[in-house]
Protein backbone atom coordinates (compact mmCIF):
# COMPACT_ATOMS: atom_id res chain seq x y z
CA MET A 1 101.97 102.25 118.32
CA SER A 2 98.32 102.67 117.48
CA ASP A 3 98.76 106.35 116.63
CA LYS A 4 98.99 106.72 112.87
CA ILE A 5 100.02 109.88 111.11
CA LYS A 6 98.30 109.99 107.76
CA PRO A 7 100.05 111.93 104.99
CA GLU A 8 97.39 114.64 105.08
CA GLN A 9 98.22 115.22 108.78
CA ALA A 10 101.91 115.82 108.12
CA THR A 11 103.20 119.37 108.29
CA PRO A 12 103.73 120.74 104.75
CA GLY A 13 107.35 121.52 104.00
CA GLN A 14 108.60 119.57 107.00
CA GLY A 15 112.23 118.62 106.30
CA ASP A 16 112.38 120.55 103.04
CA ALA A 17 115.16 122.92 102.20
CA PRO A 18 114.06 126.59 102.32
CA GLY A 19 112.18 127.52 99.16
CA GLU A 20 112.01 123.90 97.93
CA GLN A 21 108.52 122.65 97.06
CA VAL A 22 107.16 119.32 95.86
CA PRO A 23 105.12 119.57 92.65
CA GLU A 24 101.40 119.14 93.31
CA TRP A 25 101.09 116.07 91.04
CA LEU A 26 103.90 114.32 92.92
CA GLY A 27 102.48 115.21 96.33
CA ASN A 28 99.06 113.86 95.32
CA ARG A 29 100.53 110.61 94.01
CA LEU A 30 102.67 110.07 97.11
CA ARG A 31 99.70 110.85 99.37
CA ARG A 32 97.57 108.20 97.59
CA MET A 33 100.36 105.63 97.72
CA PHE A 34 101.13 106.12 101.41
CA THR A 35 97.43 106.16 102.35
CA GLU A 36 97.09 102.72 100.75
CA VAL A 37 100.14 101.47 102.67
CA MET A 38 98.85 102.86 105.98
CA ASP A 39 95.55 101.01 105.46
CA GLU A 40 97.28 97.62 105.08
CA PRO A 41 97.04 95.30 108.08
CA VAL A 42 100.14 94.66 110.20
CA PRO A 43 101.27 91.01 109.91
CA ASP A 44 100.88 88.93 113.08
CA GLU A 45 104.60 88.05 113.04
CA PHE A 46 105.50 91.75 113.11
CA LYS A 47 103.08 92.39 115.98
CA ALA A 48 104.70 89.52 117.93
CA LEU A 49 108.18 90.98 117.35
CA LEU A 50 107.02 94.43 118.51
CA LYS A 51 105.49 92.90 121.65
CA GLN A 52 108.76 91.09 122.41
CA LEU A 53 110.66 94.36 122.04
CA GLU A 54 108.23 96.24 124.29
CA ASP A 55 108.42 93.48 126.93
CA LYS A 56 112.22 93.56 126.81
CA GLU A 57 112.33 97.35 127.18
CA ARG A 58 109.96 97.25 130.16
CA GLY A 59 112.14 94.62 131.84
CA SER A 60 115.32 96.71 131.46
């Protein structure tokens, strides 16, 4: 869970149709937006839910 993949670490063209490219301006804007989102803290309630799920999976 602690491993984050920042947009700049993603493989370019991953999931794209052959020959399809994202315009540079759009890629830059998306990269900035997702970097901001990745830097936001995870709410405590969400962490608690993830811990419950992990505990349940370990018990199964």
